Protein backbone atom coordinates (compact mmCIF):
# COMPACT_ATOMS: atom_id res chain seq x y z
CA PRO A 1 129.06 103.17 63.53
CA ILE A 2 125.47 102.09 63.13
CA SER A 3 125.93 101.60 59.37
CA GLY A 4 128.68 99.05 60.01
CA THR A 5 126.53 97.16 62.50
CA LEU A 6 123.59 97.18 60.09
CA GLY A 7 125.75 95.77 57.33
CA ARG A 8 126.91 92.88 59.49
CA ILE A 9 123.39 92.14 60.72
CA VAL A 10 122.01 92.13 57.18
CA SER A 11 124.87 89.93 55.97
CA SER A 12 124.17 87.41 58.74
CA LEU A 13 120.42 87.32 58.08
CA THR A 14 120.66 87.10 54.30
CA SER A 15 123.02 84.14 54.68
CA GLY A 16 120.25 82.34 56.55
CA ALA A 17 121.85 82.58 59.99
CA ASP A 18 119.76 83.67 62.97
CA ALA A 19 121.04 86.80 64.73
CA VAL A 20 120.65 88.42 68.13
CA LEU A 21 120.79 92.17 68.84
CA VAL A 22 121.18 92.83 72.57
CA GLY A 23 121.19 96.07 74.52
CA PRO A 24 119.64 97.88 77.47
CA PRO A 25 116.15 99.42 77.21
CA GLY A 26 116.11 102.79 75.49
CA CYS A 27 119.30 102.40 73.44
CA GLY A 28 117.49 102.30 70.09
CA LEU A 29 117.23 98.57 69.35
CA SER A 30 113.76 98.90 67.80
CA GLU A 31 115.03 101.62 65.48
CA ILE A 32 117.92 99.40 64.39
CA ALA A 33 115.41 96.59 63.76
CA ARG A 34 113.37 98.95 61.57
CA LEU A 35 116.48 100.06 59.65
CA THR A 36 117.44 96.42 59.21
CA GLY A 37 114.08 95.79 57.58
CA MET A 38 114.64 98.67 55.18
CA ALA A 39 118.13 97.41 54.32
CA LEU A 40 116.80 93.90 53.67
CA LYS A 41 114.12 95.32 51.39
CA ASP A 42 116.84 97.07 49.38
CA GLN A 43 118.35 93.60 48.83
CA ALA A 44 115.01 92.17 47.69
CA SER A 45 114.49 90.37 51.00
CA ARG A 46 111.31 90.69 53.04
CA PHE A 47 110.93 91.43 56.73
CA VAL A 48 108.19 90.43 59.18
CA LEU A 49 108.16 92.25 62.51
CA MET A 50 106.72 90.66 65.64
CA ASP A 51 106.58 92.96 68.68
CA CYS A 52 106.51 91.20 72.06
CA ARG A 53 106.30 94.43 74.07
CA SER A 54 102.90 93.47 75.44
CA VAL A 55 103.64 90.15 77.14
CA THR A 56 99.96 89.19 77.38
CA LEU A 57 99.49 89.59 73.63
CA TRP A 58 102.58 87.93 72.17
CA GLN A 59 100.44 85.04 70.86
CA GLU A 60 98.39 87.52 68.83
CA ALA A 61 101.57 89.13 67.51
CA TYR A 62 102.76 85.64 66.53
CA ARG A 63 99.52 84.88 64.66
CA GLN A 64 99.81 88.15 62.74
CA ALA A 65 103.46 87.41 61.91
CA CYS A 66 102.38 84.02 60.52
CA LYS A 67 99.79 85.71 58.29
CA ASP A 68 102.34 88.25 57.08
CA ALA A 69 104.89 85.51 56.32
CA ASP A 70 102.23 83.54 54.41
CA ASP A 71 101.35 86.61 52.38
CA ILE A 72 105.00 87.35 51.54
CA LEU A 73 105.65 83.75 50.50
CA ARG A 74 102.55 83.74 48.30
CA ARG A 75 103.43 87.05 46.60
CA THR A 76 107.19 86.61 46.21
CA ALA A 77 107.76 82.85 46.47
CA ARG A 78 110.55 83.70 48.93
CA PRO A 79 110.70 83.22 52.70
CA ALA A 80 111.05 86.28 54.91
CA VAL A 81 113.22 87.27 57.85
CA LEU A 82 111.30 87.28 61.13
CA ALA A 83 112.30 90.02 63.60
CA ILE A 84 111.18 89.36 67.18
CA ASP A 85 111.37 92.74 68.93
CA HIS A 86 111.28 93.21 72.73
CA CYS A 87 111.86 89.47 73.13
CA GLY A 88 113.55 90.15 76.48
CA ASP A 89 110.10 91.03 77.87
CA LEU A 90 109.08 87.38 77.63
CA GLU A 91 109.62 84.74 80.30
CA PRO A 92 112.05 81.90 79.39
CA GLY A 93 109.16 79.45 79.00
CA GLU A 94 107.40 81.79 76.60
CA ILE A 95 110.56 82.27 74.55
CA ASN A 96 110.97 78.49 74.36
CA ASN A 97 107.31 78.14 73.29
CA LEU A 98 107.74 80.84 70.64
CA PHE A 99 111.00 79.29 69.38
CA GLU A 100 109.31 75.90 68.94
CA ARG A 101 106.28 77.40 67.21
CA VAL A 102 108.39 79.37 64.76
CA SER A 103 110.61 76.34 64.08
CA SER A 104 107.64 74.10 63.26
CA ALA A 105 104.66 76.12 62.05
CA MET A 106 106.70 78.70 60.10
CA GLN A 107 109.16 76.26 58.52
CA GLY A 108 109.68 77.19 54.88
CA LYS A 109 108.12 80.62 55.43
CA ILE A 110 110.99 82.10 57.45
CA HIS A 111 114.55 82.40 56.15
CA ALA A 112 116.12 83.53 59.45
CA ARG A 113 115.16 84.87 62.87
CA PHE A 114 116.35 88.20 64.26
CA TRP A 115 115.99 88.37 68.06
CA VAL A 116 115.98 91.95 69.36
CA GLY A 117 115.91 93.05 73.01
CA ASN A 118 117.44 92.83 76.45
CA LEU A 119 117.80 89.06 76.14
CA ASP A 120 119.98 86.81 78.30
CA PHE A 121 120.44 84.16 75.62
CA ARG A 122 123.28 82.49 77.53
CA CYS A 123 120.94 81.77 80.44
CA LEU A 124 118.39 80.30 78.02
CA GLU A 125 121.01 77.90 76.71
CA ALA A 126 122.45 76.95 80.11
CA GLU A 127 119.19 76.59 82.06
CA HIS A 128 116.64 75.72 79.38
CA SER A 129 118.76 74.05 76.66
CA LEU A 130 117.54 76.64 74.15
CA LYS A 131 120.26 77.61 71.66
CA ILE A 132 119.16 80.86 70.03
CA ILE A 133 122.23 81.23 67.79
CA CYS A 134 125.00 78.86 66.74
CA ASN A 135 127.68 81.36 65.72
CA PRO A 136 128.95 83.95 68.22
CA ARG A 137 129.61 86.29 65.29
CA SER A 138 125.83 86.56 64.92
CA LEU A 139 125.59 88.33 68.29
CA PHE A 140 125.47 92.12 68.08
CA LEU A 141 125.67 94.50 71.04
CA MET A 142 124.45 98.05 71.44
CA PRO A 143 126.14 100.30 72.24
CA GLU A 144 128.68 98.71 69.92
CA TYR A 145 132.19 98.03 71.17
CA HIS A 146 135.05 98.77 68.80
CA ARG A 147 137.93 96.31 68.43
CA ASP A 148 140.30 98.10 70.81
CA ASP A 149 137.54 98.34 73.43
CA LEU A 150 136.90 94.60 73.15
CA LEU A 151 140.61 93.77 73.47
CA ARG A 152 140.78 95.78 76.70
CA ILE A 153 137.66 94.03 78.01
CA TYR A 154 139.14 90.63 77.12
CA SER A 155 142.30 91.51 79.07
CA ALA A 156 140.23 92.51 82.09
CA ILE A 157 138.24 89.27 81.91
CA GLY A 158 141.48 87.29 81.71
CA ARG A 159 143.11 89.06 84.66
CA GLY A 160 140.01 88.39 86.73
CA ARG A 161 140.58 84.67 86.08
CA GLU A 162 144.36 84.75 86.66
CA CYS A 163 145.14 84.71 82.94
CA GLU A 164 147.73 86.86 81.20
CA TRP A 165 146.99 87.08 77.47
CA GLY A 166 149.33 88.55 74.90
CA GLU A 167 148.42 90.12 71.60
CA ALA A 168 148.16 86.80 69.70
CA ILE A 169 145.60 85.38 72.14
CA LEU A 170 143.62 88.63 72.29
CA TYR A 171 143.30 88.77 68.50
CA PHE A 172 142.37 85.09 68.41
CA LEU A 173 139.60 85.83 70.93
CA HIS A 174 138.42 88.75 68.82
CA ASP A 175 138.20 86.59 65.70
CA TRP A 176 136.50 83.71 67.52
CA CYS A 177 134.25 85.43 70.07
CA GLY A 178 133.53 88.92 68.79
CA SER A 179 131.12 90.58 71.22
CA ASP A 180 130.29 87.36 73.06
CA LEU A 181 131.96 88.18 76.37
CA ALA A 182 130.48 85.13 78.10
CA LEU A 183 132.28 82.96 75.57
CA VAL A 184 135.55 84.77 76.34
CA GLY A 185 135.02 84.02 80.02
CA GLY A 186 134.37 80.37 79.24
CA LEU A 187 137.55 80.07 77.19
CA ALA A 188 139.59 81.42 80.10
CA ALA A 189 139.47 77.94 81.66
CA TYR A 190 141.42 76.64 78.64
CA LEU A 191 143.76 79.63 78.41
CA TYR A 192 144.77 79.73 82.06
CA GLY A 193 148.09 81.18 83.15
CA ASN A 194 150.61 83.29 81.26
CA TRP A 195 150.06 83.30 77.48
CA ARG A 196 151.94 86.48 76.72
CA GLU A 197 154.95 84.87 75.10
CA ARG A 198 154.86 81.08 74.90
CA LEU A 199 151.88 79.78 72.97
CA TYR A 200 152.90 76.12 72.76
């Protein structure tokens, strides 16, 4: 349910952890970002929205976000959460530029970053050494997969890599990886073979 996803997103952001919400165009990511802002406001947190939909104008959107963050800090003495919507519309170099600007110029003004869009954050890390999030539990997918769906997907990933995973391994992967399917695929190299019965 959307309410459950919202609760986990808000919990991640209020703890100070950056979060990523990924999904295909048209699945309602911007609406979830808006609802996240409303939920944060209910918890006395503030929300600054930066829309990167127009690629040629993202610098202007960034300047306005800086002004809004300054205003919030001056009025409330508290840093805000910065939501970066449609970030998947930007080229990797532009995302890297934006990441560096936010990290330096907005330090102390921003409590956490919320990246929203059709973003291949794994590619950014592998090819551009840009780590958007540190904790895979801060990755949220839309449409949302339920636990049983994820366990079936994990099994399929394992079989494709000649791995047989039993219930203990599947639940371990769920606790450790959550929706980060790329991480599950990476762990397959360490969980190769038959892990259905013998774990040691």
